[in-house]
């Protein structure tokens, strides 16, 4: 399993890993510096949430473990793992259309809302890790 024991960490490739979907009780870590930004993570079996510089970045219900999270001007890419299927909400640009791929399968173009949030469901039950790519 790819749980992040430290709750949040920088990987050797410069990406970010966070979340621990195996925790029975809430755990959080604040003021984690990565790439000049400050991150806060709250995680446990029921929910995982990431904030970047005080703004929403990621949330999953139920909780997930996320590895190799990278973001740039075109979108985000990461690998997600959980015990059961999850609803993911990703913070992106307001009212923007993105192409979404889950484990290499194109699930179509989706638009963010006025707050820049994009919602997708991922099938994790028995799947192990699933790669998500969200690009403009």
N, C-alpha and C. Protein backbone atom coordinates (compact mmCIF):
# COMPACT_ATOMS: atom_id res chain seq x y z
N UNK A 1 0.84 -1.19 0.00
CA UNK A 1 0.00 0.00 0.00
C UNK A 1 0.88 1.25 0.00
N UNK A 2 0.40 2.29 -0.61
CA UNK A 2 1.17 3.51 -0.78
C UNK A 2 0.77 4.59 0.21
N UNK A 3 0.43 4.22 1.43
CA UNK A 3 0.08 5.25 2.41
C UNK A 3 1.30 6.10 2.69
N UNK A 4 1.08 7.35 3.06
CA UNK A 4 2.16 8.28 3.34
C UNK A 4 2.25 8.40 4.86
N UNK A 5 3.17 7.66 5.44
CA UNK A 5 3.30 7.62 6.90
C UNK A 5 3.55 9.00 7.50
N UNK A 6 4.28 9.85 6.78
CA UNK A 6 4.59 11.20 7.27
C UNK A 6 3.43 12.17 7.04
N UNK A 7 2.33 11.71 6.47
CA UNK A 7 1.15 12.49 6.10
C UNK A 7 1.37 13.34 4.86
N UNK A 8 2.54 13.96 4.73
CA UNK A 8 2.87 14.74 3.53
C UNK A 8 4.38 14.77 3.40
N UNK A 9 4.85 14.60 2.17
CA UNK A 9 6.30 14.59 1.94
C UNK A 9 6.63 14.94 0.50
N UNK A 10 7.86 15.43 0.30
CA UNK A 10 8.38 15.70 -1.03
C UNK A 10 9.11 14.45 -1.51
N UNK A 11 8.83 14.02 -2.73
CA UNK A 11 9.48 12.85 -3.30
C UNK A 11 10.78 13.25 -3.99
N UNK A 12 11.64 12.28 -4.28
CA UNK A 12 12.93 12.57 -4.91
C UNK A 12 12.77 13.19 -6.30
N UNK A 13 11.64 12.93 -6.97
CA UNK A 13 11.41 13.52 -8.30
C UNK A 13 10.81 14.93 -8.22
N UNK A 14 10.66 15.45 -6.99
CA UNK A 14 10.13 16.81 -6.79
C UNK A 14 8.62 16.87 -6.65
N UNK A 15 7.95 15.75 -6.79
CA UNK A 15 6.49 15.72 -6.63
C UNK A 15 6.12 15.67 -5.15
N UNK A 16 4.84 15.76 -4.88
CA UNK A 16 4.31 15.77 -3.52
C UNK A 16 3.48 14.51 -3.29
N UNK A 17 3.63 13.90 -2.12
CA UNK A 17 2.79 12.78 -1.73
C UNK A 17 2.13 13.13 -0.41
N UNK A 18 0.84 12.74 -0.25
CA UNK A 18 0.12 13.09 0.96
C UNK A 18 -1.04 12.13 1.19
N UNK A 19 -1.53 12.12 2.42
CA UNK A 19 -2.71 11.33 2.77
C UNK A 19 -2.38 9.95 3.28
N UNK A 20 -3.24 9.46 4.16
CA UNK A 20 -3.11 8.10 4.68
C UNK A 20 -4.51 7.56 4.92
N UNK A 21 -5.02 6.82 3.95
CA UNK A 21 -6.39 6.32 4.01
C UNK A 21 -6.58 5.17 4.99
N UNK A 22 -5.51 4.73 5.63
CA UNK A 22 -5.62 3.62 6.58
C UNK A 22 -5.80 4.08 8.03
N UNK A 23 -5.75 5.38 8.29
CA UNK A 23 -5.88 5.90 9.65
C UNK A 23 -7.33 5.85 10.13
N UNK A 24 -7.53 5.38 11.35
CA UNK A 24 -8.89 5.33 11.92
C UNK A 24 -9.33 6.69 12.46
N UNK A 25 -8.37 7.51 12.89
CA UNK A 25 -8.68 8.84 13.44
C UNK A 25 -7.99 9.92 12.62
N UNK A 26 -8.60 11.13 12.63
CA UNK A 26 -8.05 12.26 11.89
C UNK A 26 -6.63 12.58 12.33
N UNK A 27 -5.81 12.90 11.33
CA UNK A 27 -4.45 13.39 11.58
C UNK A 27 -4.24 14.57 10.64
N UNK A 28 -3.44 15.53 11.06
CA UNK A 28 -3.17 16.66 10.19
C UNK A 28 -1.74 17.14 10.36
N UNK A 29 -1.26 17.79 9.31
CA UNK A 29 0.05 18.41 9.34
C UNK A 29 -0.08 19.74 8.63
N UNK A 30 0.40 20.80 9.29
CA UNK A 30 0.29 22.15 8.74
C UNK A 30 1.67 22.71 8.42
N UNK A 31 1.68 23.78 7.64
CA UNK A 31 2.89 24.54 7.31
C UNK A 31 4.01 23.67 6.73
N UNK A 32 3.65 22.77 5.82
CA UNK A 32 4.64 21.96 5.13
C UNK A 32 5.07 22.73 3.89
N UNK A 33 6.35 23.05 3.79
CA UNK A 33 6.86 23.84 2.68
C UNK A 33 7.27 22.91 1.53
N UNK A 34 6.79 23.26 0.33
CA UNK A 34 7.13 22.51 -0.87
C UNK A 34 7.11 23.47 -2.05
N UNK A 35 8.22 23.62 -2.71
CA UNK A 35 8.28 24.47 -3.90
C UNK A 35 7.91 25.92 -3.64
N UNK A 36 8.21 26.42 -2.45
CA UNK A 36 7.89 27.80 -2.11
C UNK A 36 6.46 28.03 -1.65
N UNK A 37 5.68 26.97 -1.56
CA UNK A 37 4.29 27.07 -1.10
C UNK A 37 4.13 26.36 0.24
N UNK A 38 3.10 26.75 0.99
CA UNK A 38 2.80 26.09 2.27
C UNK A 38 1.56 25.23 2.11
N UNK A 39 1.67 23.98 2.55
CA UNK A 39 0.58 23.02 2.43
C UNK A 39 0.08 22.59 3.80
N UNK A 40 -1.17 22.20 3.83
CA UNK A 40 -1.81 21.64 5.03
C UNK A 40 -2.59 20.42 4.58
N UNK A 41 -2.43 19.31 5.29
CA UNK A 41 -3.16 18.09 4.95
C UNK A 41 -3.92 17.61 6.17
N UNK A 42 -5.16 17.16 5.94
CA UNK A 42 -5.96 16.47 6.95
C UNK A 42 -6.36 15.15 6.32
N UNK A 43 -6.19 14.06 7.04
CA UNK A 43 -6.45 12.77 6.43
C UNK A 43 -6.85 11.70 7.43
N UNK A 44 -7.66 10.78 6.99
CA UNK A 44 -7.99 9.54 7.68
C UNK A 44 -8.88 8.73 6.76
N UNK A 45 -9.42 7.62 7.26
CA UNK A 45 -10.18 6.70 6.41
C UNK A 45 -11.38 7.34 5.73
N UNK A 46 -11.98 8.35 6.36
CA UNK A 46 -13.21 8.95 5.86
C UNK A 46 -12.98 10.07 4.83
N UNK A 47 -11.84 10.78 4.93
CA UNK A 47 -11.62 11.95 4.09
C UNK A 47 -10.14 12.31 4.06
N UNK A 48 -9.69 12.82 2.92
CA UNK A 48 -8.35 13.39 2.79
C UNK A 48 -8.51 14.76 2.14
N UNK A 49 -7.87 15.78 2.72
CA UNK A 49 -8.00 17.14 2.20
C UNK A 49 -6.63 17.81 2.19
N UNK A 50 -6.34 18.52 1.09
CA UNK A 50 -5.08 19.24 0.95
C UNK A 50 -5.38 20.71 0.64
N UNK A 51 -4.70 21.60 1.33
CA UNK A 51 -4.78 23.03 1.04
C UNK A 51 -3.40 23.53 0.66
N UNK A 52 -3.34 24.46 -0.27
CA UNK A 52 -2.09 25.08 -0.72
C UNK A 52 -2.21 26.57 -0.49
N UNK A 53 -1.34 27.11 0.35
CA UNK A 53 -1.36 28.54 0.69
C UNK A 53 -2.74 28.98 1.17
N UNK A 54 -3.40 28.13 1.94
CA UNK A 54 -4.70 28.44 2.51
C UNK A 54 -5.88 28.24 1.56
N UNK A 55 -5.62 27.81 0.34
CA UNK A 55 -6.68 27.60 -0.65
C UNK A 55 -6.88 26.12 -0.93
N UNK A 56 -8.10 25.75 -1.26
CA UNK A 56 -8.45 24.38 -1.56
C UNK A 56 -7.62 23.83 -2.72
N UNK A 57 -7.09 22.58 -2.57
CA UNK A 57 -6.32 21.96 -3.65
C UNK A 57 -6.85 20.57 -4.00
N UNK A 58 -7.29 19.77 -2.98
CA UNK A 58 -7.70 18.39 -3.23
C UNK A 58 -8.54 17.90 -2.06
N UNK A 59 -9.55 17.10 -2.38
CA UNK A 59 -10.32 16.43 -1.34
C UNK A 59 -10.84 15.12 -1.89
N UNK A 60 -10.84 14.09 -1.05
CA UNK A 60 -11.43 12.81 -1.44
C UNK A 60 -12.32 12.30 -0.32
N UNK A 61 -13.41 11.68 -0.73
CA UNK A 61 -14.33 11.01 0.19
C UNK A 61 -14.62 9.65 -0.41
N UNK A 62 -14.29 8.56 0.28
CA UNK A 62 -13.55 8.48 1.54
C UNK A 62 -12.09 8.87 1.35
N UNK A 63 -11.32 8.72 2.41
CA UNK A 63 -9.91 9.09 2.39
C UNK A 63 -9.10 8.30 1.38
N UNK A 64 -8.05 8.94 0.87
CA UNK A 64 -7.15 8.32 -0.07
C UNK A 64 -5.71 8.64 0.30
N UNK A 65 -4.79 7.93 -0.33
CA UNK A 65 -3.37 8.26 -0.28
C UNK A 65 -2.99 8.68 -1.69
N UNK A 66 -2.31 9.81 -1.82
CA UNK A 66 -1.96 10.38 -3.12
C UNK A 66 -0.44 10.45 -3.22
N UNK A 67 0.10 9.93 -4.31
CA UNK A 67 1.54 9.99 -4.53
C UNK A 67 1.83 10.68 -5.86
N UNK A 68 3.01 11.26 -5.93
CA UNK A 68 3.52 11.90 -7.15
C UNK A 68 2.55 12.94 -7.71
N UNK A 69 2.01 13.78 -6.82
CA UNK A 69 1.11 14.88 -7.18
C UNK A 69 1.96 16.01 -7.76
N UNK A 70 1.71 16.34 -9.02
CA UNK A 70 2.40 17.46 -9.65
C UNK A 70 1.36 18.37 -10.29
N UNK A 71 1.65 19.65 -10.28
CA UNK A 71 0.76 20.60 -10.93
C UNK A 71 1.58 21.63 -11.69
N UNK A 72 1.00 22.09 -12.79
CA UNK A 72 1.61 23.14 -13.59
C UNK A 72 0.49 23.96 -14.21
N UNK A 73 0.82 24.84 -15.12
CA UNK A 73 -0.19 25.73 -15.72
C UNK A 73 -1.24 24.96 -16.52
N UNK A 74 -0.94 23.74 -16.93
CA UNK A 74 -1.86 22.95 -17.75
C UNK A 74 -2.77 22.03 -16.95
N UNK A 75 -2.48 21.80 -15.65
CA UNK A 75 -3.32 20.92 -14.85
C UNK A 75 -2.55 20.16 -13.80
N UNK A 76 -3.04 18.97 -13.44
CA UNK A 76 -2.42 18.15 -12.40
C UNK A 76 -2.34 16.69 -12.85
N UNK A 77 -1.38 15.98 -12.25
CA UNK A 77 -1.22 14.55 -12.45
C UNK A 77 -0.86 13.95 -11.10
N UNK A 78 -1.44 12.79 -10.78
CA UNK A 78 -1.14 12.12 -9.53
C UNK A 78 -1.59 10.67 -9.58
N UNK A 79 -1.13 9.91 -8.60
CA UNK A 79 -1.56 8.54 -8.42
C UNK A 79 -2.33 8.48 -7.11
N UNK A 80 -3.49 7.82 -7.12
CA UNK A 80 -4.34 7.77 -5.94
C UNK A 80 -4.63 6.32 -5.58
N UNK A 81 -4.72 6.06 -4.28
CA UNK A 81 -5.04 4.73 -3.79
C UNK A 81 -6.01 4.84 -2.63
N UNK A 82 -6.92 3.90 -2.52
CA UNK A 82 -7.88 3.87 -1.42
C UNK A 82 -8.49 2.49 -1.29
N UNK A 83 -9.20 2.29 -0.20
CA UNK A 83 -9.81 1.00 0.07
C UNK A 83 -11.09 0.78 -0.74
N UNK A 84 -11.73 1.89 -1.14
CA UNK A 84 -12.98 1.78 -1.88
C UNK A 84 -13.08 2.91 -2.88
N UNK A 85 -14.04 2.85 -3.79
CA UNK A 85 -14.23 3.90 -4.78
C UNK A 85 -14.35 5.25 -4.09
N UNK A 86 -13.83 6.29 -4.75
CA UNK A 86 -13.79 7.60 -4.10
C UNK A 86 -14.27 8.70 -5.04
N UNK A 87 -14.82 9.74 -4.43
CA UNK A 87 -15.19 10.97 -5.11
C UNK A 87 -14.06 11.96 -4.87
N UNK A 88 -13.41 12.44 -5.93
CA UNK A 88 -12.31 13.39 -5.81
C UNK A 88 -12.78 14.76 -6.26
N UNK A 89 -12.35 15.78 -5.54
CA UNK A 89 -12.59 17.17 -5.92
C UNK A 89 -11.22 17.82 -6.00
N UNK A 90 -10.91 18.41 -7.14
CA UNK A 90 -9.60 18.99 -7.39
C UNK A 90 -9.77 20.49 -7.62
N UNK A 91 -8.92 21.28 -6.98
CA UNK A 91 -8.93 22.73 -7.17
C UNK A 91 -8.09 23.13 -8.37
N UNK A 92 -8.74 23.74 -9.37
CA UNK A 92 -8.08 24.16 -10.60
C UNK A 92 -8.50 25.59 -10.93
N UNK A 93 -8.36 26.00 -12.18
CA UNK A 93 -8.79 27.34 -12.59
C UNK A 93 -10.31 27.42 -12.70
N UNK A 94 -10.85 28.58 -12.38
CA UNK A 94 -12.30 28.81 -12.47
C UNK A 94 -12.80 28.66 -13.91
N UNK A 95 -13.97 28.03 -14.04
CA UNK A 95 -14.69 27.93 -15.32
C UNK A 95 -13.77 27.60 -16.50
N UNK A 96 -13.02 26.52 -16.36
CA UNK A 96 -12.08 26.09 -17.39
C UNK A 96 -12.36 24.64 -17.73
N UNK A 97 -12.20 24.28 -19.01
CA UNK A 97 -12.44 22.92 -19.45
C UNK A 97 -11.13 22.12 -19.43
N UNK A 98 -11.21 20.89 -18.94
CA UNK A 98 -10.05 20.01 -18.83
C UNK A 98 -10.35 18.64 -19.43
N UNK A 99 -9.32 18.01 -19.97
CA UNK A 99 -9.39 16.62 -20.43
C UNK A 99 -8.98 15.76 -19.23
N UNK A 100 -9.78 14.72 -18.92
CA UNK A 100 -9.51 13.88 -17.74
C UNK A 100 -9.23 12.45 -18.19
N UNK A 101 -8.11 11.92 -17.72
CA UNK A 101 -7.74 10.53 -17.99
C UNK A 101 -7.57 9.81 -16.65
N UNK A 102 -8.17 8.64 -16.52
CA UNK A 102 -8.04 7.82 -15.32
C UNK A 102 -7.44 6.49 -15.75
N UNK A 103 -6.24 6.21 -15.26
CA UNK A 103 -5.49 5.01 -15.64
C UNK A 103 -5.36 4.88 -17.15
N UNK A 104 -5.11 6.02 -17.82
CA UNK A 104 -4.92 6.02 -19.26
C UNK A 104 -6.19 6.04 -20.08
N UNK A 105 -7.35 5.88 -19.44
CA UNK A 105 -8.63 5.90 -20.15
C UNK A 105 -9.20 7.31 -20.15
N UNK A 106 -9.47 7.82 -21.33
CA UNK A 106 -10.03 9.16 -21.48
C UNK A 106 -11.50 9.12 -21.04
N UNK A 107 -11.81 9.83 -19.96
CA UNK A 107 -13.21 9.86 -19.50
C UNK A 107 -13.93 11.12 -19.95
N UNK A 108 -13.26 11.91 -20.82
CA UNK A 108 -13.91 13.05 -21.43
C UNK A 108 -13.43 14.40 -20.93
N UNK A 109 -14.01 15.43 -21.49
CA UNK A 109 -13.70 16.80 -21.09
C UNK A 109 -14.71 17.22 -20.03
N UNK A 110 -14.20 17.88 -19.01
CA UNK A 110 -15.04 18.35 -17.91
C UNK A 110 -14.68 19.79 -17.59
N UNK A 111 -15.65 20.54 -17.11
CA UNK A 111 -15.42 21.94 -16.77
C UNK A 111 -15.48 22.15 -15.27
N UNK A 112 -14.63 23.05 -14.81
CA UNK A 112 -14.66 23.44 -13.41
C UNK A 112 -15.80 24.41 -13.19
N UNK A 113 -16.21 24.55 -11.94
CA UNK A 113 -17.27 25.49 -11.62
C UNK A 113 -16.67 26.87 -11.37
N UNK A 114 -17.50 27.80 -10.92
CA UNK A 114 -17.07 29.17 -10.64
C UNK A 114 -15.95 29.22 -9.60
N UNK A 115 -15.92 28.26 -8.69
CA UNK A 115 -14.88 28.19 -7.66
C UNK A 115 -13.65 27.41 -8.10
N UNK A 116 -13.64 26.91 -9.33
CA UNK A 116 -12.48 26.19 -9.85
C UNK A 116 -12.41 24.73 -9.44
N UNK A 117 -13.51 24.16 -8.95
CA UNK A 117 -13.50 22.78 -8.49
C UNK A 117 -13.98 21.83 -9.58
N UNK A 118 -13.27 20.72 -9.70
CA UNK A 118 -13.62 19.68 -10.65
C UNK A 118 -13.86 18.39 -9.87
N UNK A 119 -15.00 17.76 -10.10
CA UNK A 119 -15.36 16.53 -9.38
C UNK A 119 -15.28 15.33 -10.32
N UNK A 120 -14.60 14.28 -9.85
CA UNK A 120 -14.56 13.02 -10.61
C UNK A 120 -14.66 11.85 -9.65
N UNK A 121 -15.22 10.77 -10.12
CA UNK A 121 -15.27 9.54 -9.34
C UNK A 121 -14.21 8.59 -9.87
N UNK A 122 -13.52 7.90 -8.97
CA UNK A 122 -12.52 6.92 -9.39
C UNK A 122 -12.83 5.58 -8.73
N UNK A 123 -12.71 4.52 -9.50
CA UNK A 123 -12.93 3.18 -8.99
C UNK A 123 -11.63 2.66 -8.42
N UNK A 124 -11.59 2.51 -7.10
CA UNK A 124 -10.37 2.08 -6.42
C UNK A 124 -10.49 0.69 -5.81
N UNK A 125 -11.70 0.22 -5.59
CA UNK A 125 -11.91 -1.09 -4.97
C UNK A 125 -11.20 -2.17 -5.77
N UNK A 126 -10.20 -2.79 -5.16
CA UNK A 126 -9.47 -3.86 -5.81
C UNK A 126 -8.55 -3.41 -6.94
N UNK A 127 -8.45 -2.12 -7.18
CA UNK A 127 -7.66 -1.62 -8.30
C UNK A 127 -6.22 -1.30 -7.92
N UNK A 128 -5.93 -1.19 -6.63
CA UNK A 128 -4.60 -0.75 -6.23
C UNK A 128 -4.48 0.73 -6.50
N UNK A 129 -3.41 1.12 -7.18
CA UNK A 129 -3.19 2.52 -7.50
C UNK A 129 -3.78 2.87 -8.87
N UNK A 130 -4.31 4.09 -8.97
CA UNK A 130 -4.90 4.58 -10.21
C UNK A 130 -4.25 5.93 -10.53
N UNK A 131 -3.80 6.12 -11.75
CA UNK A 131 -3.20 7.37 -12.16
C UNK A 131 -4.28 8.29 -12.74
N UNK A 132 -4.26 9.56 -12.31
CA UNK A 132 -5.22 10.55 -12.78
C UNK A 132 -4.43 11.69 -13.44
N UNK A 133 -4.85 12.05 -14.66
CA UNK A 133 -4.26 13.17 -15.37
C UNK A 133 -5.39 14.13 -15.75
N UNK A 134 -5.23 15.39 -15.38
CA UNK A 134 -6.22 16.40 -15.69
C UNK A 134 -5.46 17.54 -16.40
N UNK A 135 -5.72 17.72 -17.70
CA UNK A 135 -4.98 18.67 -18.52
C UNK A 135 -5.93 19.59 -19.28
N UNK A 136 -5.50 20.82 -19.51
CA UNK A 136 -6.30 21.77 -20.31
C UNK A 136 -6.36 21.28 -21.75
